[in-house]
Protein backbone atom coordinates (compact mmCIF):
# COMPACT_ATOMS: atom_id res chain seq x y z
CA MET A 1 -7.08 -11.24 -23.63
CA ASP A 2 -10.30 -11.96 -25.55
CA LEU A 3 -9.72 -15.71 -25.21
CA VAL A 4 -9.20 -15.39 -21.45
CA GLN A 5 -12.31 -13.24 -21.07
CA LYS A 6 -14.35 -15.71 -23.11
CA GLU A 7 -13.25 -18.65 -20.97
CA HIS A 8 -13.79 -16.62 -17.80
CA ASP A 9 -17.39 -15.78 -18.80
CA ARG A 10 -18.04 -19.40 -19.74
CA LEU A 11 -16.67 -20.63 -16.41
CA LEU A 12 -18.73 -18.06 -14.51
CA LYS A 13 -21.91 -19.22 -16.25
CA ARG A 14 -21.14 -22.84 -15.37
CA LEU A 15 -20.57 -21.97 -11.74
CA LYS A 16 -23.81 -20.01 -11.54
CA ALA A 17 -25.77 -22.82 -13.21
CA SER A 18 -24.21 -25.49 -11.01
CA HIS A 19 -26.50 -27.31 -8.59
CA GLY A 20 -23.64 -28.67 -6.51
CA LEU A 21 -24.39 -26.59 -3.42
CA LYS A 22 -28.09 -27.45 -3.57
CA ASN A 23 -27.25 -31.13 -3.78
CA VAL A 24 -24.91 -30.86 -0.80
CA GLU A 25 -27.56 -29.05 1.24
CA SER A 26 -30.14 -31.66 0.26
CA THR A 27 -27.83 -34.47 1.39
CA ILE A 28 -27.21 -32.73 4.72
CA ASP A 29 -30.96 -32.33 5.25
CA LEU A 30 -31.53 -36.04 4.55
CA LEU A 31 -28.82 -37.07 7.02
CA GLN A 32 -30.10 -34.73 9.73
CA SER A 33 -33.67 -35.97 9.24
CA ALA A 34 -32.50 -39.58 9.51
CA ARG A 35 -30.51 -38.77 12.65
CA ASP A 36 -33.56 -37.17 14.29
CA THR A 37 -35.76 -40.15 13.35
CA ILE A 38 -33.30 -42.66 14.82
CA ALA A 39 -32.86 -40.54 17.96
CA ALA A 40 -36.64 -40.47 18.45
CA ASP A 41 -37.09 -44.23 17.82
CA PRO A 42 -33.88 -46.34 17.79
CA ASN A 43 -35.89 -49.38 16.68
CA GLN A 44 -36.42 -47.71 13.29
CA ALA A 45 -32.66 -47.35 12.64
CA ALA A 46 -32.39 -50.23 10.13
CA VAL A 47 -35.43 -49.14 8.14
CA THR A 48 -34.39 -45.48 8.14
CA LEU A 49 -30.84 -46.24 6.95
CA ALA A 50 -32.20 -48.52 4.22
CA LYS A 51 -34.49 -45.76 2.95
CA LEU A 52 -31.56 -43.31 3.10
CA GLN A 53 -29.25 -45.33 0.84
CA ASN A 54 -30.74 -44.56 -2.59
CA PRO A 55 -31.37 -40.79 -2.06
CA VAL A 56 -27.85 -40.26 -0.69
CA LYS A 57 -26.28 -42.21 -3.57
CA SER A 58 -28.28 -40.19 -6.10
CA SER A 59 -27.25 -36.95 -4.42
CA PHE A 60 -23.57 -37.92 -4.44
CA ASP A 61 -23.77 -38.80 -8.15
CA SER A 62 -25.24 -35.39 -8.91
CA ILE A 63 -22.49 -33.67 -6.87
CA ASN A 64 -19.77 -35.58 -8.74
CA ASP A 65 -21.28 -34.70 -12.12
CA SER A 66 -21.36 -31.03 -11.14
CA LEU A 67 -17.75 -31.15 -9.95
CA LYS A 68 -16.60 -32.77 -13.20
CA GLU A 69 -18.17 -29.97 -15.21
CA THR A 70 -16.61 -27.34 -12.96
CA HIS A 71 -13.15 -28.94 -13.14
CA GLY A 72 -13.44 -29.09 -16.93
CA GLY A 73 -14.15 -25.37 -17.06
CA LEU A 74 -11.23 -24.63 -14.74
CA ASN A 75 -8.85 -26.66 -16.91
CA LYS A 76 -9.86 -24.75 -20.04
CA TYR A 77 -9.50 -21.45 -18.21
CA THR A 78 -6.04 -22.46 -16.94
CA LYS A 79 -4.91 -23.44 -20.44
CA SER A 80 -6.03 -20.10 -21.85
CA LEU A 81 -4.06 -18.31 -19.13
CA ASP A 82 -0.98 -20.41 -19.90
CA LYS A 83 -1.21 -19.49 -23.59
CA LEU A 84 -1.40 -15.78 -22.81
CA PHE A 85 1.11 -15.63 -19.94
CA LYS A 86 3.98 -17.86 -20.91
CA ASP A 87 6.19 -19.25 -18.16
CA ARG A 88 9.30 -17.09 -18.03
CA PRO A 89 12.05 -17.18 -15.41
CA LEU A 90 12.38 -14.21 -13.11
CA PRO A 91 15.52 -12.02 -13.31
CA SER A 92 18.55 -13.38 -11.51
CA THR A 93 19.03 -12.40 -7.86
CA GLU A 94 22.79 -12.42 -8.27
CA HIS A 95 22.91 -8.62 -7.86
CA ASP A 96 20.17 -8.42 -5.19
CA ALA A 97 21.40 -5.88 -2.65
CA LEU A 98 18.95 -7.17 -0.02
CA SER A 99 19.79 -10.87 -0.32
CA ASN A 100 22.04 -10.68 2.76
CA GLN A 101 19.89 -8.13 4.62
CA GLU A 102 17.24 -10.44 6.05
CA HIS A 103 16.70 -8.25 9.11
CA LEU A 104 15.73 -5.28 6.89
CA ILE A 105 13.24 -7.40 4.95
CA ASN A 106 11.69 -8.73 8.16
CA ARG A 107 11.41 -5.23 9.58
CA ALA A 108 9.75 -3.97 6.39
CA ILE A 109 7.21 -6.82 6.54
CA ALA A 110 6.46 -6.18 10.22
CA MET A 111 6.02 -2.44 9.66
CA HIS A 112 3.74 -3.09 6.67
CA LEU A 113 1.51 -5.39 8.73
CA LEU A 114 1.29 -2.76 11.48
CA ARG A 115 0.44 -0.02 8.97
CA GLU A 116 -2.37 -2.17 7.57
CA GLY A 117 -3.81 -2.78 11.04
CA GLN A 118 -2.96 -6.50 10.96
CA PHE A 119 -1.75 -6.45 14.56
CA SER A 120 -2.34 -10.12 15.36
CA VAL A 121 -0.55 -11.21 12.17
CA ALA A 122 2.36 -8.86 12.97
CA ALA A 123 2.59 -10.25 16.50
CA THR A 124 2.69 -13.83 15.17
CA PHE A 125 5.31 -12.89 12.58
CA LEU A 126 7.57 -11.22 15.16
CA SER A 127 7.07 -14.09 17.60
CA GLU A 128 8.20 -16.63 15.00
CA ILE A 129 11.26 -14.50 14.20
CA ALA A 130 12.13 -14.36 17.90
CA ASP A 131 11.73 -18.14 18.22
CA GLN A 132 13.93 -18.72 15.18
CA LYS A 133 16.56 -16.34 16.53
CA SER A 134 16.52 -18.13 19.88
CA THR A 135 16.97 -21.51 18.17
CA ILE A 136 19.92 -20.24 16.14
CA GLN A 137 21.55 -18.75 19.24
CA GLN A 138 21.20 -22.05 21.10
CA GLU A 139 22.74 -23.93 18.18
CA SER A 140 25.65 -21.48 18.03
CA ILE A 141 26.29 -22.01 21.76
CA SER A 142 26.35 -25.78 21.32
CA ARG A 143 28.71 -25.38 18.34
CA PRO A 144 30.94 -22.42 19.27
CA SER A 145 33.36 -23.11 16.44
CA GLU A 146 30.70 -22.10 13.91
CA LYS A 147 29.86 -18.49 13.20
CA PRO A 148 26.27 -17.77 14.29
CA SER A 149 23.84 -16.97 11.49
CA SER A 150 22.78 -13.37 11.10
CA LEU A 151 19.08 -13.04 11.77
CA LEU A 152 16.87 -10.20 12.89
CA ASP A 153 18.20 -8.49 15.97
CA ILE A 154 15.23 -8.36 18.31
CA ASP A 155 16.08 -4.74 19.15
CA GLU A 156 15.49 -3.73 15.53
CA VAL A 157 11.87 -4.85 15.30
CA PRO A 158 9.14 -2.21 15.74
CA SER A 159 9.07 -1.21 19.40
CA THR A 160 6.06 -1.56 21.64
CA GLU A 161 5.54 2.20 21.47
CA ILE A 162 5.47 2.10 17.64
CA ARG A 163 2.91 -0.70 17.77
CA LYS A 164 0.75 1.35 20.15
CA GLN A 165 1.02 4.33 17.83
CA PHE A 166 -0.15 2.32 14.84
CA ALA A 167 -2.97 0.80 16.89
CA SER A 168 -4.08 4.35 17.72
CA MET A 169 -3.84 5.40 14.06
CA TYR A 170 -5.84 2.38 12.91
CA TYR A 171 -8.56 3.06 15.51
CA ILE A 172 -8.87 6.70 14.43
CA LEU A 173 -8.99 5.73 10.74
CA HIS A 174 -11.66 3.12 11.51
CA GLU A 175 -13.75 5.78 13.25
CA LEU A 176 -13.26 8.13 10.31
CA LYS A 177 -14.01 5.73 7.47
CA GLU A 178 -16.56 3.37 8.99
CA LYS A 179 -18.42 5.46 11.57
CA ARG A 180 -17.93 8.99 10.18
CA ASN A 181 -16.67 9.97 13.62
CA LEU A 182 -14.22 12.88 13.42
CA LEU A 183 -13.81 13.50 17.15
CA PRO A 184 -10.86 11.10 17.80
CA ALA A 185 -8.96 12.59 14.85
CA ILE A 186 -9.67 16.15 16.00
CA GLU A 187 -8.53 15.29 19.52
CA TRP A 188 -5.29 13.80 18.17
CA SER A 189 -4.60 16.84 15.98
CA ARG A 190 -5.02 19.15 18.99
CA GLU A 191 -2.69 17.07 21.11
CA HIS A 192 -0.05 17.46 18.37
CA ARG A 193 -0.94 21.02 17.36
CA GLU A 194 2.56 22.44 17.81
CA ALA A 195 4.26 19.68 15.81
CA LEU A 196 1.68 19.98 13.03
CA ALA A 197 2.02 23.76 12.97
CA ALA A 198 5.78 23.42 12.61
CA ARG A 199 5.15 21.36 9.49
CA GLY A 200 2.67 23.91 8.14
CA SER A 201 -0.08 21.31 8.31
CA ASN A 202 -3.77 22.17 7.76
CA LEU A 203 -5.04 18.92 9.25
CA GLU A 204 -6.82 20.31 12.30
CA PHE A 205 -8.74 22.87 10.26
CA GLU A 206 -9.61 20.29 7.59
CA LEU A 207 -11.07 18.03 10.27
CA CYS A 208 -13.03 20.83 11.93
CA ARG A 209 -14.33 22.05 8.58
CA LEU A 210 -15.60 18.57 7.74
CA GLN A 211 -17.18 18.33 11.20
CA TYR A 212 -18.99 21.61 10.48
CA VAL A 213 -20.28 20.24 7.15
CA TRP A 214 -21.23 16.95 8.82
CA LEU A 215 -23.27 18.78 11.45
CA TYR A 216 -24.96 20.86 8.78
CA HIS A 217 -26.13 17.69 7.04
CA ASN A 218 -27.68 16.52 10.31
CA LYS A 219 -25.00 13.84 10.82
CA SER A 220 -26.10 12.15 7.59
CA LEU A 221 -23.62 9.90 5.83
CA GLU A 222 -24.68 11.25 2.44
CA PRO A 223 -25.17 14.96 1.64
CA THR A 224 -28.72 16.04 0.89
CA ASN A 225 -30.34 19.16 -0.54
CA SER A 226 -32.50 19.77 2.51
CA PRO A 227 -31.09 21.79 5.39
CA GLY A 228 -29.98 19.68 8.31
CA ASN A 229 -28.89 20.62 11.77
CA TRP A 230 -27.58 24.01 10.68
CA GLU A 231 -28.09 25.49 14.17
CA ALA A 232 -25.63 22.94 15.56
CA ALA A 233 -23.21 23.78 12.74
CA ILE A 234 -23.32 27.50 13.53
CA GLU A 235 -22.87 26.84 17.24
CA TYR A 236 -19.88 24.62 16.47
CA ALA A 237 -18.36 27.34 14.27
CA ARG A 238 -18.71 29.95 17.02
CA ARG A 239 -17.11 27.64 19.54
CA GLU A 240 -14.24 26.19 17.48
CA PHE A 241 -13.32 28.42 14.53
CA SER A 242 -12.21 31.39 16.62
CA SER A 243 -8.99 29.55 17.51
CA PHE A 244 -7.86 29.38 13.88
CA GLY A 245 -7.34 33.13 13.62
CA PRO A 246 -6.60 35.04 10.45
CA ARG A 247 -4.85 32.13 8.71
CA TYR A 248 -8.16 30.54 7.70
CA LEU A 249 -10.34 33.67 7.75
CA ALA A 250 -11.34 33.38 4.09
CA GLU A 251 -12.36 29.73 4.51
CA ILE A 252 -14.35 30.49 7.66
CA GLN A 253 -16.17 33.32 5.89
CA LYS A 254 -17.15 30.96 3.08
CA LEU A 255 -18.48 28.39 5.53
CA SER A 256 -20.50 31.04 7.35
CA GLY A 257 -21.74 32.67 4.15
CA ALA A 258 -23.11 29.37 2.91
CA MET A 259 -25.81 29.58 5.57
CA ALA A 260 -27.54 32.23 3.46
CA PHE A 261 -28.14 29.57 0.77
CA ILE A 262 -29.66 26.91 3.03
CA ALA A 263 -32.75 26.60 0.81
CA ASN A 264 -30.68 25.77 -2.28
CA LEU A 265 -27.15 24.99 -1.16
CA ARG A 266 -26.53 22.51 -3.99
CA GLY A 267 -27.04 25.28 -6.55
CA SER A 268 -24.97 27.85 -4.65
CA PRO A 269 -21.28 28.81 -5.05
CA TYR A 270 -20.58 26.74 -1.91
CA ALA A 271 -21.85 23.44 -3.33
CA ALA A 272 -18.35 22.01 -3.80
CA THR A 273 -17.57 22.39 -0.08
CA PHE A 274 -20.83 20.98 1.24
CA ASN A 275 -21.34 18.22 -1.33
CA ASN A 276 -17.86 16.80 -1.82
CA PRO A 277 -18.15 12.99 -2.21
CA THR A 278 -14.41 12.49 -1.69
CA ALA A 279 -14.09 14.65 1.44
CA TRP A 280 -13.87 11.72 3.86
CA ASP A 281 -11.24 9.90 1.79
CA GLU A 282 -9.20 13.10 1.44
CA VAL A 283 -9.20 13.85 5.15
CA SER A 284 -8.33 10.21 5.93
CA GLN A 285 -5.32 10.41 3.61
CA SER A 286 -4.25 13.73 5.16
CA PHE A 287 -4.50 12.24 8.64
CA THR A 288 -2.45 9.16 7.66
CA ARG A 289 0.21 11.33 6.04
CA GLU A 290 0.57 13.65 9.04
CA PHE A 291 0.44 10.82 11.59
CA CYS A 292 3.24 8.92 9.84
CA SER A 293 5.29 12.07 9.30
CA LEU A 294 5.36 12.77 13.05
CA LEU A 295 6.70 9.24 13.50
CA GLY A 296 9.41 9.96 10.93
CA LEU A 297 7.81 7.58 8.41
CA SER A 298 6.43 7.91 4.90
CA ALA A 299 2.67 7.98 4.42
CA ASP A 300 2.76 4.83 2.26
CA SER A 301 4.28 1.51 3.25
CA PRO A 302 7.82 1.15 1.83
CA LEU A 303 7.12 -2.53 1.22
CA TYR A 304 4.06 -1.66 -0.87
CA ILE A 305 6.00 0.98 -2.82
CA ALA A 306 8.93 -1.37 -3.45
CA ALA A 307 6.69 -4.24 -4.54
CA THR A 308 4.65 -2.03 -6.88
CA ALA A 309 7.74 -0.43 -8.40
CA GLY A 310 9.22 -3.90 -8.85
CA VAL A 311 6.12 -5.12 -10.69
CA ILE A 312 6.28 -2.08 -12.99
CA ALA A 313 9.97 -2.69 -13.68
CA LEU A 314 9.70 -6.47 -14.11
CA PRO A 315 8.76 -6.58 -17.85
CA THR A 316 11.70 -4.32 -18.74
CA LEU A 317 14.11 -6.40 -16.66
CA LEU A 318 12.84 -9.65 -18.20
CA LYS A 319 13.35 -8.24 -21.68
CA LEU A 320 16.83 -7.02 -20.73
CA GLN A 321 17.73 -10.45 -19.36
CA THR A 322 16.69 -12.07 -22.65
CA ILE A 323 18.78 -9.62 -24.68
CA MET A 324 21.82 -10.03 -22.42
CA LYS A 325 21.57 -13.81 -22.66
CA ALA A 326 21.33 -13.68 -26.46
CA LYS A 327 24.33 -11.33 -26.73
CA ARG A 328 26.25 -13.14 -23.98
CA THR A 329 26.81 -9.97 -21.97
CA GLU A 330 26.70 -9.45 -18.21
CA TRP A 331 25.31 -6.83 -15.91
CA THR A 332 28.41 -5.37 -14.28
CA THR A 333 27.11 -2.10 -12.79
CA GLU A 334 27.00 -2.38 -9.00
CA ASN A 335 24.05 -0.93 -7.03
CA GLU A 336 22.55 0.54 -10.21
CA LEU A 337 19.95 -0.61 -12.72
CA PRO A 338 21.37 -1.35 -16.19
CA VAL A 339 18.61 0.60 -17.93
CA GLU A 340 16.27 3.41 -16.98
CA ILE A 341 12.96 2.21 -15.55
CA PRO A 342 10.11 4.71 -16.17
CA LEU A 343 8.07 4.99 -12.97
CA PRO A 344 5.00 7.12 -12.20
CA PRO A 345 5.75 10.52 -10.60
CA SER A 346 4.43 9.32 -7.23
CA TYR A 347 7.28 6.77 -7.13
CA LEU A 348 10.07 9.26 -7.74
CA PHE A 349 11.46 10.44 -4.41
CA HIS A 350 14.77 12.09 -5.31
CA SER A 351 16.55 13.48 -8.35
CA ILE A 352 18.97 11.34 -10.31
CA PHE A 353 21.84 12.99 -12.16
CA VAL A 354 23.62 11.26 -15.04
CA CYS A 355 26.89 12.89 -16.09
CA PRO A 356 26.60 14.08 -19.72
CA VAL A 357 30.32 13.38 -20.24
CA SER A 358 30.84 9.93 -18.73
CA LYS A 359 27.17 8.83 -19.03
CA GLU A 360 27.41 7.47 -15.47
CA GLN A 361 25.00 8.13 -12.62
CA ALA A 362 26.31 10.41 -9.90
CA THR A 363 26.91 8.90 -6.45
CA ASP A 364 28.02 10.15 -3.03
CA GLU A 365 31.61 9.35 -4.02
CA ASN A 366 31.20 10.93 -7.46
CA PRO A 367 28.78 13.86 -6.88
CA PRO A 368 27.56 16.39 -9.47
CA MET A 369 29.71 19.53 -9.71
CA MET A 370 28.63 22.86 -11.17
CA MET A 371 31.20 24.98 -13.00
CA PRO A 372 31.14 28.83 -12.91
CA CYS A 373 29.41 28.85 -16.30
CA GLY A 374 26.47 26.91 -14.81
CA HIS A 375 27.00 23.57 -16.55
CA VAL A 376 27.07 20.43 -14.37
CA ILE A 377 29.15 17.28 -14.76
CA ALA A 378 30.31 14.52 -12.40
CA GLU A 379 33.38 15.12 -10.21
CA GLU A 380 35.42 12.34 -11.85
CA SER A 381 34.77 13.83 -15.29
CA LEU A 382 35.75 17.22 -13.94
CA LYS A 383 39.07 15.85 -12.68
CA ARG A 384 39.83 14.20 -15.99
CA LEU A 385 39.12 17.40 -17.89
CA SER A 386 41.02 19.76 -15.59
CA LYS A 387 44.19 17.68 -15.07
CA GLY A 388 45.14 20.07 -12.27
CA GLY A 389 44.95 23.24 -14.37
CA ARG A 390 42.52 25.43 -16.27
CA PHE A 391 40.19 23.75 -18.72
CA LYS A 392 37.43 24.60 -21.18
CA CYS A 393 33.83 23.64 -20.42
CA PRO A 394 32.73 20.82 -22.77
CA TYR A 395 29.49 22.70 -23.50
CA CYS A 396 30.51 26.36 -23.80
CA PRO A 397 33.64 28.49 -24.47
CA ASN A 398 34.11 29.44 -20.80
CA GLU A 399 37.26 28.35 -19.01
CA SER A 400 37.60 27.63 -15.30
CA HIS A 401 39.66 25.81 -12.69
CA PHE A 402 38.75 22.71 -10.69
CA LYS A 403 38.72 24.70 -7.43
CA ASP A 404 36.06 27.04 -8.87
CA ALA A 405 33.52 24.23 -9.21
CA ARG A 406 30.90 23.72 -6.53
CA LYS A 407 29.23 20.53 -5.38
CA ILE A 408 25.48 20.65 -5.84
CA PHE A 409 22.67 18.69 -4.22
CA LEU A 410 19.69 17.57 -6.27
């Protein structure tokens, strides 16, 4: 990486020292000046163009010299990247479970664009899919003997209501992050109070608490030591906090008690609440999570999660492919990775059980079974051990019967 960094710094210095843009601007100024002169007196056109020839040629020569130097730096930088990151083929897609599920991939892309607020891009993407589907349908009608290609069913794309919901979410997040305006988010949380309460969500109180702190700081974007509009904060607390009842009594008491330390709030026990630099990001994440959960969706885009997990797993899969090629072996396990891929905890969404007897991963058809002694093995292993009668647990002296085992859910 040192070689890459060295070439990167060298290229950056060349770009900063380059006079290419100045030469281009100078040439444009010369041409505009000549155009104005000719427009004012057309009789001077020949003389003006003659005077323009040498300066323009000199400027173009300087631009070309600058470009040559820049291209030379780019070539050296590219070569250093090639030395560090050797060209290696990607793993085979022979066992790609999504290779024949184009409609699922298209839906994931469309949903990702909507989640990111790229509504115009999503609309263009869906429009092109619809046009392609229409073309394929017309071709299948003209050639009825051929089986029509399977493309995205237009009913499976995100509905108009889903698009409106994401537009609403993006507007509220924009108000939160860019304008420090909590009111749209608070209004949304009150409209969905019952659904949020059923989930045990604290979103509405978190928003109102931040609004209280925001008012205290006199609607300033950055917390300060000096007291702000604390009268407005107290009035807001009297008007809004009474509806939260005993559930948040301790938090409300802390917010009210902080008013006694107005002169030195930063040095008080309440400093963390009133001077939290990450408060706006935290409440934005909470809002996104709750908004998506009420739509039956995860807080993060599945496409983003899948792509990131794939990037993490790629080096291991590339190494595995090299080993398998050298040993002339094949990957024969269906719908399962050949090796364990260590992922961060945030990318683990469900438990995975590997039978300690057969060393195979449990599936819906071969679920984990717990014996009376408490040990767990896969159902197929249990059947092989029991053979229709009593059997001894492979891990302890206890004996049991197949019918005594219970299916467990991890």
